[in-house]
Amino acid sequence: MHPPGADSWMTFEPHPDLPGYPQFRMEIVEFHGLGHLVLYLQIWTVPGMTDATMSQDLRRLLSALEAKYPYLKTEVEWPITLTRPPGVTHSDHVLVRSLARWHERVTGEVTKIGSLGRLGSAANGSHTAGAGMDTVLYGPGGGQTDKEYRLKGHLKTGPPDERIFLKDVVTTAKVLALTAADICG
């Protein structure tokens, strides 16, 4: 994935909780005979980016390339909607504060709040956040900052986060139960 530079073709407002985002990459390149190339892009977004803004950005980029290279003819198909809308729940939100407090009490560890361990993760929370429900990703497994996660990827021994320590599951259950009691009364 590549974060955009200062002169990016994408229109977006940087988000303080998502450093280096949005990101994009060419997912698939298909050659269909002479003069016909199909590119599939994957774009990891920040709040405020929509299908419409991304499609407009891409069309503007391709128009500029066509102006520079008159032999180039482009077409954009935007066949799907944004499948995982970006979402952010701020660190001062009651849910975040409660989870952090109970995590610290249950584990005795200082709680790290932020998106860095899960940047780029896809989760159902993006759908609930997109529906207007406050959402926090919290649970067992360390994500991209977890040493075991990185080792599994490096050794190609299977997808990371498919095995979770039982003690982490128990810790998560305790923290979630205490948070629910705290918030719901």
N, C-alpha and C. Protein backbone atom coordinates (compact mmCIF):
# COMPACT_ATOMS: atom_id res chain seq x y z
N MET A 1 0.85 -1.17 0.00
CA MET A 1 0.00 0.00 0.00
C MET A 1 0.90 1.23 0.00
N HIS A 2 0.44 2.27 -0.66
CA HIS A 2 1.21 3.49 -0.76
C HIS A 2 0.39 4.67 -0.25
N PRO A 3 0.90 5.41 0.74
CA PRO A 3 0.19 6.62 1.15
C PRO A 3 0.40 7.70 0.10
N PRO A 4 -0.58 8.57 -0.06
CA PRO A 4 -0.45 9.62 -1.07
C PRO A 4 0.54 10.70 -0.63
N GLY A 5 1.16 11.31 -1.60
CA GLY A 5 2.06 12.42 -1.31
C GLY A 5 1.30 13.73 -1.21
N ALA A 6 2.04 14.81 -1.03
CA ALA A 6 1.42 16.13 -0.88
C ALA A 6 0.66 16.54 -2.14
N ASP A 7 1.11 16.06 -3.29
CA ASP A 7 0.45 16.42 -4.56
C ASP A 7 -0.43 15.28 -5.06
N SER A 8 -1.08 14.61 -4.15
CA SER A 8 -1.87 13.43 -4.47
C SER A 8 -2.99 13.73 -5.44
N TRP A 9 -3.36 12.69 -6.17
CA TRP A 9 -4.51 12.79 -7.06
C TRP A 9 -5.81 12.59 -6.29
N MET A 10 -5.71 12.17 -5.02
CA MET A 10 -6.90 11.94 -4.21
C MET A 10 -7.25 13.19 -3.40
N THR A 11 -8.53 13.45 -3.29
CA THR A 11 -9.02 14.56 -2.48
C THR A 11 -9.44 14.00 -1.13
N PHE A 12 -8.82 14.52 -0.06
CA PHE A 12 -9.15 14.03 1.28
C PHE A 12 -8.59 15.00 2.31
N GLU A 13 -9.14 14.91 3.49
CA GLU A 13 -8.61 15.63 4.64
C GLU A 13 -7.84 14.62 5.48
N PRO A 14 -6.56 14.86 5.75
CA PRO A 14 -5.82 13.92 6.61
C PRO A 14 -6.52 13.77 7.95
N HIS A 15 -6.42 12.57 8.51
CA HIS A 15 -7.05 12.31 9.80
C HIS A 15 -5.97 12.03 10.83
N PRO A 16 -6.01 12.73 11.99
CA PRO A 16 -4.93 12.57 12.97
C PRO A 16 -4.80 11.15 13.54
N ASP A 17 -5.89 10.38 13.55
CA ASP A 17 -5.83 9.02 14.08
C ASP A 17 -5.44 7.99 13.03
N LEU A 18 -5.29 8.42 11.79
CA LEU A 18 -4.97 7.50 10.69
C LEU A 18 -3.76 8.01 9.91
N PRO A 19 -2.59 8.06 10.54
CA PRO A 19 -1.42 8.60 9.84
C PRO A 19 -1.05 7.74 8.63
N GLY A 20 -0.68 8.41 7.55
CA GLY A 20 -0.30 7.69 6.34
C GLY A 20 -1.46 7.19 5.51
N TYR A 21 -2.67 7.59 5.86
CA TYR A 21 -3.86 7.18 5.12
C TYR A 21 -4.49 8.40 4.49
N PRO A 22 -5.15 8.22 3.37
CA PRO A 22 -5.53 6.99 2.70
C PRO A 22 -4.32 6.33 2.03
N GLN A 23 -4.51 5.08 1.62
CA GLN A 23 -3.50 4.34 0.89
C GLN A 23 -4.16 3.67 -0.30
N PHE A 24 -3.36 3.40 -1.31
CA PHE A 24 -3.90 2.72 -2.48
C PHE A 24 -2.83 1.80 -3.07
N ARG A 25 -3.31 0.84 -3.80
CA ARG A 25 -2.40 0.00 -4.57
C ARG A 25 -3.16 -0.58 -5.76
N MET A 26 -2.38 -0.94 -6.78
CA MET A 26 -2.96 -1.66 -7.90
C MET A 26 -3.04 -3.11 -7.49
N GLU A 27 -4.24 -3.61 -7.40
CA GLU A 27 -4.47 -4.97 -6.92
C GLU A 27 -4.23 -5.99 -8.03
N ILE A 28 -4.77 -5.71 -9.19
CA ILE A 28 -4.66 -6.65 -10.32
C ILE A 28 -4.41 -5.84 -11.58
N VAL A 29 -3.53 -6.33 -12.43
CA VAL A 29 -3.29 -5.73 -13.74
C VAL A 29 -3.56 -6.83 -14.77
N GLU A 30 -4.49 -6.54 -15.69
CA GLU A 30 -4.83 -7.52 -16.73
C GLU A 30 -4.56 -6.93 -18.10
N PHE A 31 -3.88 -7.68 -18.94
CA PHE A 31 -3.65 -7.26 -20.32
C PHE A 31 -4.65 -8.01 -21.20
N HIS A 32 -5.41 -7.25 -21.97
CA HIS A 32 -6.42 -7.83 -22.86
C HIS A 32 -6.08 -7.46 -24.29
N GLY A 33 -5.01 -8.02 -24.80
CA GLY A 33 -4.61 -7.71 -26.16
C GLY A 33 -3.89 -6.37 -26.25
N LEU A 34 -3.44 -6.06 -27.44
CA LEU A 34 -2.73 -4.81 -27.65
C LEU A 34 -3.62 -3.61 -27.37
N GLY A 35 -3.13 -2.71 -26.61
CA GLY A 35 -3.85 -1.47 -26.39
C GLY A 35 -4.97 -1.53 -25.38
N HIS A 36 -5.10 -2.63 -24.65
CA HIS A 36 -6.19 -2.72 -23.68
C HIS A 36 -5.63 -3.28 -22.37
N LEU A 37 -5.70 -2.45 -21.36
CA LEU A 37 -5.18 -2.79 -20.04
C LEU A 37 -6.26 -2.51 -19.00
N VAL A 38 -6.44 -3.44 -18.07
CA VAL A 38 -7.42 -3.26 -17.00
C VAL A 38 -6.66 -3.23 -15.68
N LEU A 39 -6.92 -2.20 -14.88
CA LEU A 39 -6.31 -2.06 -13.57
C LEU A 39 -7.40 -2.12 -12.50
N TYR A 40 -7.16 -2.90 -11.47
CA TYR A 40 -8.05 -2.93 -10.32
C TYR A 40 -7.31 -2.28 -9.15
N LEU A 41 -7.93 -1.26 -8.57
CA LEU A 41 -7.32 -0.54 -7.46
C LEU A 41 -7.97 -0.92 -6.14
N GLN A 42 -7.17 -0.92 -5.10
CA GLN A 42 -7.69 -1.06 -3.74
C GLN A 42 -7.32 0.24 -3.03
N ILE A 43 -8.32 0.87 -2.41
CA ILE A 43 -8.08 2.14 -1.72
C ILE A 43 -8.55 2.00 -0.29
N TRP A 44 -7.65 2.28 0.65
CA TRP A 44 -7.97 2.30 2.07
C TRP A 44 -8.19 3.75 2.44
N THR A 45 -9.37 4.07 2.87
CA THR A 45 -9.85 5.44 2.96
C THR A 45 -9.74 6.04 4.36
N VAL A 46 -10.04 7.33 4.43
CA VAL A 46 -10.20 8.04 5.70
C VAL A 46 -11.62 8.60 5.72
N PRO A 47 -12.14 8.90 6.91
CA PRO A 47 -13.49 9.49 6.97
C PRO A 47 -13.59 10.70 6.05
N GLY A 48 -14.71 10.76 5.35
CA GLY A 48 -14.95 11.85 4.40
C GLY A 48 -14.82 11.42 2.96
N MET A 49 -14.07 10.36 2.71
CA MET A 49 -13.93 9.86 1.34
C MET A 49 -15.15 8.99 1.03
N THR A 50 -15.69 9.16 -0.17
CA THR A 50 -16.86 8.39 -0.59
C THR A 50 -16.62 7.81 -1.97
N ASP A 51 -17.51 6.94 -2.40
CA ASP A 51 -17.41 6.42 -3.76
C ASP A 51 -17.39 7.56 -4.77
N ALA A 52 -18.26 8.54 -4.56
CA ALA A 52 -18.36 9.66 -5.49
C ALA A 52 -17.05 10.45 -5.54
N THR A 53 -16.47 10.77 -4.38
CA THR A 53 -15.24 11.57 -4.40
C THR A 53 -14.08 10.78 -4.99
N MET A 54 -13.99 9.50 -4.67
CA MET A 54 -12.89 8.69 -5.22
C MET A 54 -13.04 8.50 -6.72
N SER A 55 -14.26 8.29 -7.19
CA SER A 55 -14.50 8.14 -8.62
C SER A 55 -14.16 9.44 -9.35
N GLN A 56 -14.55 10.57 -8.79
CA GLN A 56 -14.22 11.87 -9.39
C GLN A 56 -12.72 12.09 -9.43
N ASP A 57 -12.03 11.75 -8.33
CA ASP A 57 -10.58 11.89 -8.28
C ASP A 57 -9.91 11.05 -9.36
N LEU A 58 -10.34 9.82 -9.51
CA LEU A 58 -9.76 8.93 -10.50
C LEU A 58 -10.02 9.45 -11.92
N ARG A 59 -11.24 9.91 -12.17
CA ARG A 59 -11.57 10.44 -13.50
C ARG A 59 -10.74 11.68 -13.81
N ARG A 60 -10.52 12.53 -12.80
CA ARG A 60 -9.69 13.74 -12.97
C ARG A 60 -8.24 13.35 -13.29
N LEU A 61 -7.72 12.36 -12.59
CA LEU A 61 -6.35 11.88 -12.85
C LEU A 61 -6.23 11.36 -14.27
N LEU A 62 -7.17 10.53 -14.68
CA LEU A 62 -7.11 9.95 -16.02
C LEU A 62 -7.28 11.01 -17.10
N SER A 63 -8.11 12.01 -16.87
CA SER A 63 -8.27 13.11 -17.83
C SER A 63 -6.96 13.86 -18.01
N ALA A 64 -6.25 14.08 -16.91
CA ALA A 64 -4.95 14.76 -16.99
C ALA A 64 -3.94 13.92 -17.77
N LEU A 65 -3.97 12.59 -17.56
CA LEU A 65 -3.07 11.72 -18.31
C LEU A 65 -3.42 11.71 -19.79
N GLU A 66 -4.71 11.71 -20.11
CA GLU A 66 -5.13 11.75 -21.52
C GLU A 66 -4.70 13.04 -22.18
N ALA A 67 -4.75 14.16 -21.44
CA ALA A 67 -4.32 15.44 -22.00
C ALA A 67 -2.81 15.43 -22.27
N LYS A 68 -2.07 14.77 -21.40
CA LYS A 68 -0.61 14.71 -21.55
C LYS A 68 -0.20 13.71 -22.64
N TYR A 69 -0.95 12.62 -22.76
CA TYR A 69 -0.65 11.57 -23.74
C TYR A 69 -1.87 11.38 -24.64
N PRO A 70 -1.95 12.10 -25.75
CA PRO A 70 -3.15 12.09 -26.61
C PRO A 70 -3.55 10.71 -27.14
N TYR A 71 -2.62 9.79 -27.22
CA TYR A 71 -2.93 8.44 -27.71
C TYR A 71 -3.63 7.59 -26.63
N LEU A 72 -3.65 8.06 -25.40
CA LEU A 72 -4.23 7.32 -24.29
C LEU A 72 -5.74 7.59 -24.21
N LYS A 73 -6.51 6.54 -24.16
CA LYS A 73 -7.97 6.64 -23.97
C LYS A 73 -8.32 5.80 -22.74
N THR A 74 -9.04 6.40 -21.82
CA THR A 74 -9.35 5.69 -20.57
C THR A 74 -10.85 5.62 -20.34
N GLU A 75 -11.21 4.69 -19.50
CA GLU A 75 -12.60 4.48 -19.12
C GLU A 75 -12.60 4.05 -17.66
N VAL A 76 -13.57 4.51 -16.88
CA VAL A 76 -13.65 4.13 -15.48
C VAL A 76 -14.96 3.40 -15.25
N GLU A 77 -14.87 2.22 -14.66
CA GLU A 77 -16.05 1.50 -14.21
C GLU A 77 -15.98 1.47 -12.70
N TRP A 78 -17.00 1.95 -12.06
CA TRP A 78 -17.06 1.93 -10.61
C TRP A 78 -18.19 0.99 -10.23
N PRO A 79 -17.90 -0.32 -10.25
CA PRO A 79 -18.98 -1.31 -10.16
C PRO A 79 -19.53 -1.55 -8.77
N ILE A 80 -18.82 -1.18 -7.73
CA ILE A 80 -19.31 -1.49 -6.39
C ILE A 80 -19.29 -0.25 -5.52
N THR A 81 -20.01 -0.33 -4.45
CA THR A 81 -19.98 0.76 -3.48
C THR A 81 -18.86 0.51 -2.50
N LEU A 82 -18.56 1.53 -1.73
CA LEU A 82 -17.53 1.43 -0.72
C LEU A 82 -17.89 0.30 0.23
N THR A 83 -17.12 -0.77 0.22
CA THR A 83 -17.51 -1.95 0.97
C THR A 83 -17.22 -1.82 2.46
N ARG A 84 -16.26 -1.04 2.84
CA ARG A 84 -15.93 -0.86 4.25
C ARG A 84 -15.72 0.63 4.49
N PRO A 85 -16.79 1.34 4.83
CA PRO A 85 -16.64 2.78 5.04
C PRO A 85 -15.72 3.06 6.23
N PRO A 86 -14.90 4.09 6.13
CA PRO A 86 -14.00 4.41 7.23
C PRO A 86 -14.77 4.94 8.43
N GLY A 87 -14.25 4.68 9.59
CA GLY A 87 -14.89 5.19 10.79
C GLY A 87 -13.87 5.41 11.89
N VAL A 88 -14.13 6.37 12.73
CA VAL A 88 -13.24 6.67 13.85
C VAL A 88 -14.09 6.99 15.07
N THR A 89 -13.77 6.36 16.19
CA THR A 89 -14.37 6.72 17.47
C THR A 89 -13.26 7.37 18.28
N HIS A 90 -13.47 8.61 18.68
CA HIS A 90 -12.41 9.38 19.33
C HIS A 90 -12.06 8.84 20.71
N SER A 91 -10.84 9.09 21.13
CA SER A 91 -10.31 8.52 22.37
C SER A 91 -11.02 9.04 23.61
N ASP A 92 -11.74 10.15 23.51
CA ASP A 92 -12.45 10.67 24.69
C ASP A 92 -13.90 10.16 24.76
N HIS A 93 -14.28 9.28 23.84
CA HIS A 93 -15.63 8.71 23.83
C HIS A 93 -15.82 7.85 25.08
N VAL A 94 -17.03 7.83 25.64
CA VAL A 94 -17.31 7.09 26.87
C VAL A 94 -16.99 5.60 26.72
N LEU A 95 -17.23 5.02 25.57
CA LEU A 95 -16.93 3.61 25.35
C LEU A 95 -15.43 3.36 25.38
N VAL A 96 -14.67 4.21 24.74
CA VAL A 96 -13.21 4.07 24.73
C VAL A 96 -12.66 4.24 26.14
N ARG A 97 -13.12 5.26 26.84
CA ARG A 97 -12.62 5.51 28.20
C ARG A 97 -12.95 4.33 29.12
N SER A 98 -14.16 3.78 29.02
CA SER A 98 -14.56 2.67 29.87
C SER A 98 -13.74 1.41 29.55
N LEU A 99 -13.61 1.08 28.27
CA LEU A 99 -12.80 -0.07 27.89
C LEU A 99 -11.37 0.08 28.39
N ALA A 100 -10.79 1.26 28.23
CA ALA A 100 -9.41 1.50 28.65
C ALA A 100 -9.27 1.33 30.16
N ARG A 101 -10.22 1.89 30.91
CA ARG A 101 -10.15 1.80 32.37
C ARG A 101 -10.23 0.35 32.82
N TRP A 102 -11.19 -0.41 32.27
CA TRP A 102 -11.36 -1.80 32.69
C TRP A 102 -10.23 -2.69 32.18
N HIS A 103 -9.72 -2.40 31.01
CA HIS A 103 -8.57 -3.18 30.51
C HIS A 103 -7.37 -3.00 31.46
N GLU A 104 -7.14 -1.77 31.88
CA GLU A 104 -6.02 -1.50 32.78
C GLU A 104 -6.22 -2.20 34.13
N ARG A 105 -7.45 -2.15 34.64
CA ARG A 105 -7.71 -2.80 35.95
C ARG A 105 -7.59 -4.32 35.86
N VAL A 106 -8.07 -4.92 34.77
CA VAL A 106 -8.04 -6.37 34.65
C VAL A 106 -6.61 -6.87 34.39
N THR A 107 -5.86 -6.16 33.55
CA THR A 107 -4.54 -6.65 33.14
C THR A 107 -3.40 -6.06 33.98
N GLY A 108 -3.63 -4.91 34.59
CA GLY A 108 -2.56 -4.23 35.30
C GLY A 108 -1.60 -3.52 34.36
N GLU A 109 -1.93 -3.48 33.08
CA GLU A 109 -1.08 -2.84 32.08
C GLU A 109 -1.63 -1.47 31.71
N VAL A 110 -0.75 -0.57 31.37
CA VAL A 110 -1.18 0.74 30.88
C VAL A 110 -1.85 0.52 29.52
N THR A 111 -3.01 1.11 29.35
CA THR A 111 -3.77 0.93 28.12
C THR A 111 -3.23 1.83 27.02
N LYS A 112 -3.05 1.26 25.84
CA LYS A 112 -2.63 2.02 24.66
C LYS A 112 -3.87 2.26 23.82
N ILE A 113 -4.24 3.51 23.66
CA ILE A 113 -5.41 3.85 22.86
C ILE A 113 -4.93 4.40 21.54
N GLY A 114 -5.50 3.91 20.47
CA GLY A 114 -5.15 4.42 19.15
C GLY A 114 -5.35 3.36 18.09
N SER A 115 -5.13 3.77 16.88
CA SER A 115 -5.40 2.89 15.75
C SER A 115 -4.15 2.19 15.22
N LEU A 116 -2.99 2.50 15.75
CA LEU A 116 -1.76 2.00 15.14
C LEU A 116 -1.66 0.49 15.08
N GLY A 117 -2.14 -0.24 16.05
CA GLY A 117 -2.06 -1.69 16.00
C GLY A 117 -3.01 -2.32 15.02
N ARG A 118 -4.01 -1.58 14.60
CA ARG A 118 -5.04 -2.13 13.72
C ARG A 118 -5.22 -1.33 12.43
N LEU A 119 -4.29 -0.43 12.13
CA LEU A 119 -4.43 0.34 10.90
C LEU A 119 -4.56 -0.59 9.71
N GLY A 120 -5.56 -0.32 8.90
CA GLY A 120 -5.77 -1.12 7.71
C GLY A 120 -6.57 -2.38 7.94
N SER A 121 -6.98 -2.62 9.15
CA SER A 121 -7.77 -3.81 9.43
C SER A 121 -9.17 -3.65 8.87
N ALA A 122 -9.71 -4.74 8.43
CA ALA A 122 -11.09 -4.75 7.99
C ALA A 122 -11.90 -5.47 9.07
N ALA A 123 -12.97 -4.86 9.48
CA ALA A 123 -13.79 -5.44 10.53
C ALA A 123 -15.23 -5.02 10.33
N ASN A 124 -16.13 -5.77 10.92
CA ASN A 124 -17.54 -5.42 10.82
C ASN A 124 -17.84 -4.08 11.47
N GLY A 125 -16.95 -3.62 12.34
CA GLY A 125 -17.12 -2.32 12.97
C GLY A 125 -17.22 -1.19 11.97
N SER A 126 -16.63 -1.35 10.80
CA SER A 126 -16.76 -0.30 9.79
C SER A 126 -18.20 -0.18 9.31
N HIS A 127 -18.92 -1.30 9.28
CA HIS A 127 -20.33 -1.26 8.87
C HIS A 127 -21.19 -0.64 9.97
N THR A 128 -20.94 -1.02 11.23
CA THR A 128 -21.74 -0.45 12.31
C THR A 128 -21.44 1.04 12.46
N ALA A 129 -20.18 1.42 12.31
CA ALA A 129 -19.83 2.84 12.37
C ALA A 129 -20.50 3.58 11.21
N GLY A 130 -20.52 2.95 10.03
CA GLY A 130 -21.17 3.56 8.87
C GLY A 130 -22.67 3.72 9.06
N ALA A 131 -23.26 2.90 9.95
CA ALA A 131 -24.69 3.00 10.26
C ALA A 131 -24.95 3.94 11.42
N GLY A 132 -23.89 4.61 11.90
CA GLY A 132 -24.07 5.60 12.96
C GLY A 132 -23.92 5.06 14.37
N MET A 133 -23.46 3.80 14.50
CA MET A 133 -23.26 3.23 15.84
C MET A 133 -21.80 3.42 16.24
N ASP A 134 -21.61 3.95 17.44
CA ASP A 134 -20.25 4.11 17.94
C ASP A 134 -19.60 2.74 18.06
N THR A 135 -18.39 2.62 17.55
CA THR A 135 -17.74 1.32 17.43
C THR A 135 -16.28 1.42 17.85
N VAL A 136 -15.82 0.40 18.57
CA VAL A 136 -14.43 0.30 18.97
C VAL A 136 -13.95 -1.10 18.66
N LEU A 137 -12.77 -1.23 18.07
CA LEU A 137 -12.17 -2.55 17.88
C LEU A 137 -11.37 -2.87 19.13
N TYR A 138 -11.80 -3.90 19.82
CA TYR A 138 -11.12 -4.33 21.03
C TYR A 138 -11.25 -5.84 21.13
N GLY A 139 -10.18 -6.51 21.44
CA GLY A 139 -10.28 -7.95 21.61
C GLY A 139 -8.93 -8.61 21.66
N PRO A 140 -8.94 -9.93 21.73
CA PRO A 140 -7.68 -10.67 21.82
C PRO A 140 -6.93 -10.65 20.50
N GLY A 141 -5.64 -10.81 20.58
CA GLY A 141 -4.81 -10.78 19.38
C GLY A 141 -4.24 -9.39 19.22
N GLY A 142 -3.01 -9.33 18.79
CA GLY A 142 -2.32 -8.05 18.77
C GLY A 142 -2.30 -7.32 17.46
N GLY A 143 -2.87 -7.90 16.40
CA GLY A 143 -2.84 -7.21 15.13
C GLY A 143 -1.44 -7.06 14.59
N GLN A 144 -1.20 -6.04 13.82
CA GLN A 144 0.06 -5.89 13.12
C GLN A 144 1.24 -5.56 14.04
N THR A 145 0.98 -5.16 15.27
CA THR A 145 2.09 -4.89 16.18
C THR A 145 2.47 -6.13 16.98
N ASP A 146 1.71 -7.19 16.88
CA ASP A 146 1.94 -8.43 17.62
C ASP A 146 3.11 -9.19 16.99
N LYS A 147 4.08 -9.59 17.82
CA LYS A 147 5.25 -10.31 17.31
C LYS A 147 4.85 -11.61 16.64
N GLU A 148 3.89 -12.34 17.23
CA GLU A 148 3.45 -13.61 16.64
C GLU A 148 2.79 -13.38 15.28
N TYR A 149 2.02 -12.32 15.17
CA TYR A 149 1.36 -11.96 13.91
C TYR A 149 2.41 -11.77 12.82
N ARG A 150 3.44 -10.95 13.13
CA ARG A 150 4.48 -10.67 12.14
C ARG A 150 5.27 -11.93 11.81
N LEU A 151 5.56 -12.76 12.82
CA LEU A 151 6.33 -13.98 12.58
C LEU A 151 5.57 -14.93 11.67
N LYS A 152 4.27 -15.11 11.91
CA LYS A 152 3.47 -16.00 11.06
C LYS A 152 3.50 -15.53 9.61
N GLY A 153 3.37 -14.22 9.42
CA GLY A 153 3.41 -13.69 8.07
C GLY A 153 4.76 -13.91 7.42
N HIS A 154 5.83 -13.69 8.16
CA HIS A 154 7.18 -13.85 7.64
C HIS A 154 7.46 -15.32 7.29
N LEU A 155 7.04 -16.23 8.15
CA LEU A 155 7.30 -17.65 7.93
C LEU A 155 6.29 -18.29 6.99
N LYS A 156 5.27 -17.54 6.62
CA LYS A 156 4.19 -18.04 5.76
C LYS A 156 3.58 -19.33 6.33
N THR A 157 3.33 -19.32 7.63
CA THR A 157 2.77 -20.49 8.31
C THR A 157 1.27 -20.39 8.47
N GLY A 158 0.65 -19.49 7.78
CA GLY A 158 -0.80 -19.37 7.88
C GLY A 158 -1.20 -17.95 8.20
N PRO A 159 -2.44 -17.66 7.94
CA PRO A 159 -2.93 -16.30 8.22
C PRO A 159 -2.78 -15.96 9.69
N PRO A 160 -2.35 -14.75 9.99
CA PRO A 160 -2.21 -14.35 11.39
C PRO A 160 -3.56 -14.23 12.08
N ASP A 161 -3.54 -14.20 13.39
CA ASP A 161 -4.73 -14.03 14.23
C ASP A 161 -5.73 -15.17 14.09
N GLU A 162 -5.31 -16.33 13.63
CA GLU A 162 -6.21 -17.48 13.61
C GLU A 162 -6.10 -18.29 14.88
N ARG A 163 -5.06 -18.04 15.65
CA ARG A 163 -4.90 -18.68 16.95
C ARG A 163 -4.72 -17.59 17.99
N ILE A 164 -5.52 -17.66 19.03
CA ILE A 164 -5.48 -16.65 20.09
C ILE A 164 -5.23 -17.37 21.41
N PHE A 165 -4.41 -16.78 22.26
CA PHE A 165 -4.17 -17.36 23.57
C PHE A 165 -5.46 -17.33 24.39
N LEU A 166 -5.77 -18.44 25.07
CA LEU A 166 -6.98 -18.54 25.88
C LEU A 166 -7.01 -17.46 26.96
N LYS A 167 -5.89 -17.16 27.57
CA LYS A 167 -5.85 -16.12 28.61
C LYS A 167 -6.28 -14.77 28.03
N ASP A 168 -5.99 -14.52 26.76
CA ASP A 168 -6.41 -13.26 26.14
C ASP A 168 -7.92 -13.24 25.90
N VAL A 169 -8.49 -14.40 25.59
CA VAL A 169 -9.95 -14.49 25.41
C VAL A 169 -10.64 -14.22 26.76
N VAL A 170 -10.11 -14.81 27.82
CA VAL A 170 -10.68 -14.61 29.16
C VAL A 170 -10.56 -13.13 29.56
N THR A 171 -9.41 -12.53 29.33
CA THR A 171 -9.22 -11.11 29.64
C THR A 171 -10.24 -10.26 28.88
N THR A 172 -10.42 -10.54 27.60
CA THR A 172 -11.37 -9.78 26.79
C THR A 172 -12.79 -9.93 27.33
N ALA A 173 -13.18 -11.15 27.69
CA ALA A 173 -14.53 -11.39 28.23
C ALA A 173 -14.74 -10.58 29.50
N LYS A 174 -13.76 -10.58 30.38
CA LYS A 174 -13.87 -9.82 31.63
C LYS A 174 -14.01 -8.32 31.34
N VAL A 175 -13.14 -7.80 30.49
CA VAL A 175 -13.16 -6.37 30.19
C VAL A 175 -14.48 -5.96 29.53
N LEU A 176 -14.96 -6.77 28.60
CA LEU A 176 -16.23 -6.44 27.93
C LEU A 176 -17.40 -6.50 28.90
N ALA A 177 -17.41 -7.48 29.80
CA ALA A 177 -18.50 -7.59 30.79
C ALA A 177 -18.48 -6.38 31.72
N LEU A 178 -17.32 -6.00 32.19
CA LEU A 178 -17.21 -4.84 33.10
C LEU A 178 -17.57 -3.53 32.37
N THR A 179 -17.18 -3.43 31.12
CA THR A 179 -17.51 -2.24 30.33
C THR A 179 -19.01 -2.14 30.10
N ALA A 180 -19.64 -3.26 29.76
CA ALA A 180 -21.09 -3.28 29.55
C ALA A 180 -21.82 -2.87 30.83
N ALA A 181 -21.38 -3.41 31.97
CA ALA A 181 -22.00 -3.06 33.25
C ALA A 181 -21.77 -1.58 33.57
N ASP A 182 -20.60 -1.09 33.24
CA ASP A 182 -20.26 0.31 33.50
C ASP A 182 -21.15 1.25 32.68
N ILE A 183 -21.30 0.95 31.42
CA ILE A 183 -22.04 1.84 30.51
C ILE A 183 -23.56 1.66 30.65
N CYS A 184 -23.99 0.42 30.78
CA CYS A 184 -25.44 0.14 30.80
C CYS A 184 -26.04 0.21 32.20
N GLY A 185 -25.19 0.24 33.21
CA GLY A 185 -25.68 0.40 34.57
C GLY A 185 -26.05 -0.85 35.28
